[in-house]
Amino acid sequence: MSDHTSAVVRKDYRVLAVEDDPHVVDVITLFLGDTFHVEAVSRKADALDRLSDQDKPKIHAVVLDLMLPNGVGVEVVRSVNLRFPSIPIIVITGQDFTQEQIIESGAQEFLPKPFAHKELVRAVSAAIARHKVRGTFAPLDQALADIKQGLQDIKQGMQDDRTNQAGGISDHLRRGQNKP
């Protein structure tokens, strides 16, 4: 059941499945296990603890069910995204949420349950790849922002110089008019 058409096949990439239904965890592990190393927790608090644990290997993506025992709905996505913005979140849910609600909450991908093997592999691969691209361009985005700020500073300085020059010319003309 290996999906060799996926964008990323990296067993060194770790995916954290946050799901309280053991049958769904088994499906996620089966679907992603050929492509990624999968870890699973069943509670939001356990997910936050695992993502915070610097002594364990880095998690590259989170597959997150919205209906957990200690966290419900898009608030779960927001809390994970707020604390770990560098980790892409793929939401899976059987509840009635729109893709727009899920994406606006900070998730990169959304899959309604039930989902197909290829859909899950594609969603996780795409989210990781998209995050890597954003990370690659982040320094360029900062450099462009710095250049823009520098240009605004130069423009302001030039306007200040013109104002000072205009004031100096006015003073010179006034002085010239006051001479007998």
C-alpha atoms as a PDB file:
ATOM      1  CA  MET A   1       0.000   0.000   0.000  1.00  0.00           C
ATOM      2  CA  SER A   2       3.003   2.284  -0.451  1.00  0.00           C
ATOM      3  CA  ASP A   3       2.338   5.561  -2.247  1.00  0.00           C
ATOM      4  CA  HIS A   4       5.401   6.124  -4.411  1.00  0.00           C
ATOM      5  CA  THR A   5       3.761   9.064  -6.131  1.00  0.00           C
ATOM      6  CA  SER A   6       3.958  11.252  -3.035  1.00  0.00           C
ATOM      7  CA  ALA A   7       6.088  14.393  -3.135  1.00  0.00           C
ATOM      8  CA  VAL A   8       8.148  13.451  -0.086  1.00  0.00           C
ATOM      9  CA  VAL A   9       9.205   9.946   0.930  1.00  0.00           C
ATOM     10  CA  ARG A  10      11.306  10.474   4.041  1.00  0.00           C
ATOM     11  CA  LYS A  11      11.313   8.064   6.951  1.00  0.00           C
ATOM     12  CA  ASP A  12      13.403  10.627   8.845  1.00  0.00           C
ATOM     13  CA  TYR A  13      10.392  12.987   8.812  1.00  0.00           C
ATOM     14  CA  ARG A  14       8.197  12.547  11.863  1.00  0.00           C
ATOM     15  CA  VAL A  15       4.454  13.035  11.913  1.00  0.00           C
ATOM     16  CA  LEU A  16       2.556  13.363  15.173  1.00  0.00           C
ATOM     17  CA  ALA A  17      -0.966  11.946  14.961  1.00  0.00           C
ATOM     18  CA  VAL A  18      -3.249  13.547  17.544  1.00  0.00           C
ATOM     19  CA  GLU A  19      -6.312  11.325  17.581  1.00  0.00           C
ATOM     20  CA  ASP A  20      -8.300   9.711  20.408  1.00  0.00           C
ATOM     21  CA  ASP A  21      -9.829   6.882  18.359  1.00  0.00           C
ATOM     22  CA  PRO A  22      -7.348   3.956  18.319  1.00  0.00           C
ATOM     23  CA  HIS A  23      -8.834   2.624  15.067  1.00  0.00           C
ATOM     24  CA  VAL A  24      -8.189   5.938  13.304  1.00  0.00           C
ATOM     25  CA  VAL A  25      -4.648   5.995  14.756  1.00  0.00           C
ATOM     26  CA  ASP A  26      -4.118   2.547  13.220  1.00  0.00           C
ATOM     27  CA  VAL A  27      -5.346   3.825   9.848  1.00  0.00           C
ATOM     28  CA  ILE A  28      -3.109   6.929  10.006  1.00  0.00           C
ATOM     29  CA  THR A  29      -0.114   4.779  10.946  1.00  0.00           C
ATOM     30  CA  LEU A  30      -0.878   2.294   8.166  1.00  0.00           C
ATOM     31  CA  PHE A  31      -1.360   5.040   5.562  1.00  0.00           C
ATOM     32  CA  LEU A  32       1.670   7.131   6.541  1.00  0.00           C
ATOM     33  CA  GLY A  33       3.989   4.433   7.862  1.00  0.00           C
ATOM     34  CA  ASP A  34       5.604   3.684   4.483  1.00  0.00           C
ATOM     35  CA  THR A  35       6.461   7.341   3.988  1.00  0.00           C
ATOM     36  CA  PHE A  36       6.999   8.858   7.438  1.00  0.00           C
ATOM     37  CA  HIS A  37       7.803   7.867  10.992  1.00  0.00           C
ATOM     38  CA  VAL A  38       4.476   8.205  12.848  1.00  0.00           C
ATOM     39  CA  GLU A  39       4.020   8.891  16.557  1.00  0.00           C
ATOM     40  CA  ALA A  40       0.583   9.091  18.166  1.00  0.00           C
ATOM     41  CA  VAL A  41      -0.995  10.749  21.194  1.00  0.00           C
ATOM     42  CA  SER A  42      -4.655  10.924  22.125  1.00  0.00           C
ATOM     43  CA  ARG A  43      -4.936  14.254  23.958  1.00  0.00           C
ATOM     44  CA  LYS A  44      -4.177  17.886  23.148  1.00  0.00           C
ATOM     45  CA  ALA A  45      -2.055  18.234  26.312  1.00  0.00           C
ATOM     46  CA  ASP A  46       0.036  15.202  25.300  1.00  0.00           C
ATOM     47  CA  ALA A  47       0.531  16.702  21.836  1.00  0.00           C
ATOM     48  CA  LEU A  48       1.715  20.015  23.287  1.00  0.00           C
ATOM     49  CA  ASP A  49       4.075  18.154  25.643  1.00  0.00           C
ATOM     50  CA  ARG A  50       5.511  16.078  22.797  1.00  0.00           C
ATOM     51  CA  LEU A  51       5.967  19.091  20.535  1.00  0.00           C
ATOM     52  CA  SER A  52       7.739  20.922  23.385  1.00  0.00           C
ATOM     53  CA  ASP A  53      10.094  18.048  24.211  1.00  0.00           C
ATOM     54  CA  GLN A  54      13.540  19.128  22.988  1.00  0.00           C
ATOM     55  CA  ASP A  55      15.061  15.770  23.972  1.00  0.00           C
ATOM     56  CA  LYS A  56      13.058  13.860  21.347  1.00  0.00           C
ATOM     57  CA  PRO A  57      13.414  14.042  17.548  1.00  0.00           C
ATOM     58  CA  LYS A  58      11.738  16.967  15.821  1.00  0.00           C
ATOM     59  CA  ILE A  59       8.146  16.626  14.618  1.00  0.00           C
ATOM     60  CA  HIS A  60       7.746  17.790  11.006  1.00  0.00           C
ATOM     61  CA  ALA A  61       3.935  17.775  10.786  1.00  0.00           C
ATOM     62  CA  VAL A  62       0.860  17.191  12.945  1.00  0.00           C
ATOM     63  CA  VAL A  63      -2.205  15.260  11.823  1.00  0.00           C
ATOM     64  CA  LEU A  64      -4.849  16.570  14.191  1.00  0.00           C
ATOM     65  CA  ASP A  65      -8.392  15.439  14.924  1.00  0.00           C
ATOM     66  CA  LEU A  66     -10.586  18.357  15.961  1.00  0.00           C
ATOM     67  CA  MET A  67     -12.682  16.412  18.435  1.00  0.00           C
ATOM     68  CA  LEU A  68     -10.391  15.472  21.322  1.00  0.00           C
ATOM     69  CA  PRO A  69     -11.364  14.750  24.942  1.00  0.00           C
ATOM     70  CA  ASN A  70      -9.686  17.907  26.264  1.00  0.00           C
ATOM     71  CA  GLY A  71      -9.959  20.203  23.281  1.00  0.00           C
ATOM     72  CA  VAL A  72     -12.647  20.828  20.714  1.00  0.00           C
ATOM     73  CA  GLY A  73     -12.765  22.497  17.345  1.00  0.00           C
ATOM     74  CA  VAL A  74     -10.600  25.115  15.757  1.00  0.00           C
ATOM     75  CA  GLU A  75      -9.370  26.264  19.198  1.00  0.00           C
ATOM     76  CA  VAL A  76      -7.147  23.165  19.203  1.00  0.00           C
ATOM     77  CA  VAL A  77      -5.619  24.187  15.869  1.00  0.00           C
ATOM     78  CA  ARG A  78      -5.128  27.760  17.063  1.00  0.00           C
ATOM     79  CA  SER A  79      -3.429  26.692  20.300  1.00  0.00           C
ATOM     80  CA  VAL A  80      -1.042  24.305  18.523  1.00  0.00           C
ATOM     81  CA  ASN A  81      -0.337  26.832  15.748  1.00  0.00           C
ATOM     82  CA  LEU A  82       0.245  29.646  18.246  1.00  0.00           C
ATOM     83  CA  ARG A  83       2.860  27.673  20.196  1.00  0.00           C
ATOM     84  CA  PHE A  84       4.429  25.880  17.207  1.00  0.00           C
ATOM     85  CA  PRO A  85       3.978  28.016  14.069  1.00  0.00           C
ATOM     86  CA  SER A  86       6.847  26.249  12.289  1.00  0.00           C
ATOM     87  CA  ILE A  87       5.038  22.884  12.307  1.00  0.00           C
ATOM     88  CA  PRO A  88       2.359  22.372   9.643  1.00  0.00           C
ATOM     89  CA  ILE A  89      -1.014  21.060  10.803  1.00  0.00           C
ATOM     90  CA  ILE A  90      -3.205  18.730   8.771  1.00  0.00           C
ATOM     91  CA  VAL A  91      -6.717  18.603  10.224  1.00  0.00           C
ATOM     92  CA  ILE A  92      -8.851  15.481   9.998  1.00  0.00           C
ATOM     93  CA  THR A  93     -12.400  15.520  11.270  1.00  0.00           C
ATOM     94  CA  GLY A  94     -15.741  13.868  10.927  1.00  0.00           C
ATOM     95  CA  GLN A  95     -17.469  16.980  12.273  1.00  0.00           C
ATOM     96  CA  ASP A  96     -19.224  19.678  10.289  1.00  0.00           C
ATOM     97  CA  PHE A  97     -16.496  22.264   9.721  1.00  0.00           C
ATOM     98  CA  THR A  98     -15.809  24.079   6.466  1.00  0.00           C
ATOM     99  CA  GLN A  99     -12.384  24.046   4.882  1.00  0.00           C
ATOM    100  CA  GLU A 100     -12.342  27.840   5.192  1.00  0.00           C
ATOM    101  CA  GLN A 101     -12.866  27.674   8.987  1.00  0.00           C
ATOM    102  CA  ILE A 102     -10.072  25.134   9.336  1.00  0.00           C
ATOM    103  CA  ILE A 103      -7.547  26.975   7.147  1.00  0.00           C
ATOM    104  CA  GLU A 104      -8.339  30.331   8.805  1.00  0.00           C
ATOM    105  CA  SER A 105      -7.585  28.740  12.183  1.00  0.00           C
ATOM    106  CA  GLY A 106      -4.018  28.006  11.083  1.00  0.00           C
ATOM    107  CA  ALA A 107      -4.114  24.548   9.500  1.00  0.00           C
ATOM    108  CA  GLN A 108      -2.360  23.992   6.179  1.00  0.00           C
ATOM    109  CA  GLU A 109      -4.543  21.093   5.026  1.00  0.00           C
ATOM    110  CA  PHE A 110      -7.995  19.708   5.786  1.00  0.00           C
ATOM    111  CA  LEU A 111      -9.302  16.182   5.209  1.00  0.00           C
ATOM    112  CA  PRO A 112     -12.827  15.133   6.140  1.00  0.00           C
ATOM    113  CA  LYS A 113     -13.172  11.621   7.566  1.00  0.00           C
ATOM    114  CA  PRO A 114     -13.156   9.115   6.027  1.00  0.00           C
ATOM    115  CA  PHE A 115     -10.111   9.895   3.872  1.00  0.00           C
ATOM    116  CA  ALA A 116      -8.192   7.803   1.368  1.00  0.00           C
ATOM    117  CA  HIS A 117      -4.602   6.623   1.720  1.00  0.00           C
ATOM    118  CA  LYS A 118      -3.293   8.802  -1.119  1.00  0.00           C
ATOM    119  CA  GLU A 119      -5.211  11.839   0.155  1.00  0.00           C
ATOM    120  CA  LEU A 120      -3.539  11.663   3.562  1.00  0.00           C
ATOM    121  CA  VAL A 121      -0.045  11.065   2.159  1.00  0.00           C
ATOM    122  CA  ARG A 122      -0.531  13.911  -0.328  1.00  0.00           C
ATOM    123  CA  ALA A 123      -1.822  16.287   2.343  1.00  0.00           C
ATOM    124  CA  VAL A 124       1.062  15.615   4.741  1.00  0.00           C
ATOM    125  CA  SER A 125       3.678  15.727   1.961  1.00  0.00           C
ATOM    126  CA  ALA A 126       2.259  18.979   0.557  1.00  0.00           C
ATOM    127  CA  ALA A 127       2.094  20.625   3.984  1.00  0.00           C
ATOM    128  CA  ILE A 128       5.715  19.715   4.760  1.00  0.00           C
ATOM    129  CA  ALA A 129       6.928  20.823   1.318  1.00  0.00           C
ATOM    130  CA  ARG A 130       4.994  24.102   1.542  1.00  0.00           C
ATOM    131  CA  HIS A 131       6.429  24.785   4.989  1.00  0.00           C
ATOM    132  CA  LYS A 132       9.953  24.077   3.752  1.00  0.00           C
ATOM    133  CA  VAL A 133       9.483  26.538   0.876  1.00  0.00           C
ATOM    134  CA  ARG A 134       8.168  29.202   3.248  1.00  0.00           C
ATOM    135  CA  GLY A 135      11.165  28.613   5.501  1.00  0.00           C
ATOM    136  CA  THR A 136      13.511  28.952   2.535  1.00  0.00           C
ATOM    137  CA  PHE A 137      12.001  32.276   1.535  1.00  0.00           C
ATOM    138  CA  ALA A 138      11.614  33.696   5.052  1.00  0.00           C
ATOM    139  CA  PRO A 139      15.117  35.280   5.064  1.00  0.00           C
ATOM    140  CA  LEU A 140      14.392  36.812   1.633  1.00  0.00           C
ATOM    141  CA  ASP A 141      11.095  38.197   2.907  1.00  0.00           C
ATOM    142  CA  GLN A 142      12.947  39.767   5.846  1.00  0.00           C
ATOM    143  CA  ALA A 143      15.632  41.199   3.528  1.00  0.00           C
ATOM    144  CA  LEU A 144      12.930  42.739   1.317  1.00  0.00           C
ATOM    145  CA  ALA A 145      11.205  44.222   4.359  1.00  0.00           C
ATOM    146  CA  ASP A 146      14.545  45.692   5.503  1.00  0.00           C
ATOM    147  CA  ILE A 147      15.181  47.170   2.036  1.00  0.00           C
ATOM    148  CA  LYS A 148      11.689  48.662   1.973  1.00  0.00           C
ATOM    149  CA  GLN A 149      12.247  50.218   5.396  1.00  0.00           C
ATOM    150  CA  GLY A 150      15.627  51.564   4.248  1.00  0.00           C
ATOM    151  CA  LEU A 151      14.054  53.148   1.179  1.00  0.00           C
ATOM    152  CA  GLN A 152      11.353  54.744   3.320  1.00  0.00           C
ATOM    153  CA  ASP A 153      14.061  56.115   5.648  1.00  0.00           C
ATOM    154  CA  ILE A 154      15.970  57.544   2.658  1.00  0.00           C
ATOM    155  CA  LYS A 155      12.788  59.086   1.263  1.00  0.00           C
ATOM    156  CA  GLN A 156      12.000  60.659   4.635  1.00  0.00           C
ATOM    157  CA  GLY A 157      15.555  61.953   4.887  1.00  0.00           C
ATOM    158  CA  MET A 158      15.312  63.521   1.426  1.00  0.00           C
ATOM    159  CA  GLN A 159      12.010  65.176   2.348  1.00  0.00           C
ATOM    160  CA  ASP A 160      13.592  66.498   5.555  1.00  0.00           C
ATOM    161  CA  ASP A 161      16.552  67.845   3.528  1.00  0.00           C
ATOM    162  CA  ARG A 162      14.213  69.607   1.080  1.00  0.00           C
ATOM    163  CA  THR A 163      12.295  71.126   3.987  1.00  0.00           C
ATOM    164  CA  ASN A 164      15.551  72.316   5.583  1.00  0.00           C
ATOM    165  CA  GLN A 165      16.824  73.679   2.252  1.00  0.00           C
ATOM    166  CA  ALA A 166      13.548  75.473   1.624  1.00  0.00           C
ATOM    167  CA  GLY A 167      13.718  76.956   5.101  1.00  0.00           C
ATOM    168  CA  GLY A 168      17.305  78.058   4.509  1.00  0.00           C
ATOM    169  CA  ILE A 169      16.395  79.710   1.198  1.00  0.00           C
ATOM    170  CA  SER A 170      13.473  81.501   2.852  1.00  0.00           C
ATOM    171  CA  ASP A 171      15.764  82.754   5.641  1.00  0.00           C
ATOM    172  CA  HIS A 172      18.321  83.941   3.070  1.00  0.00           C
ATOM    173  CA  LEU A 173      15.645  85.766   1.069  1.00  0.00           C
ATOM    174  CA  ARG A 174      14.235  87.391   4.209  1.00  0.00           C
ATOM    175  CA  ARG A 175      17.687  88.530   5.242  1.00  0.00           C
ATOM    176  CA  GLY A 176      18.229  89.947   1.777  1.00  0.00           C
ATOM    177  CA  GLN A 177      14.946  91.884   1.943  1.00  0.00           C
ATOM    178  CA  ASN A 178      15.837  93.405   5.306  1.00  0.00           C
ATOM    179  CA  LYS A 179      19.018  95.033   3.907  1.00  0.00           C
ATOM    180  CA  PRO A 180      18.701  98.798   3.184  1.00  0.00           C
END
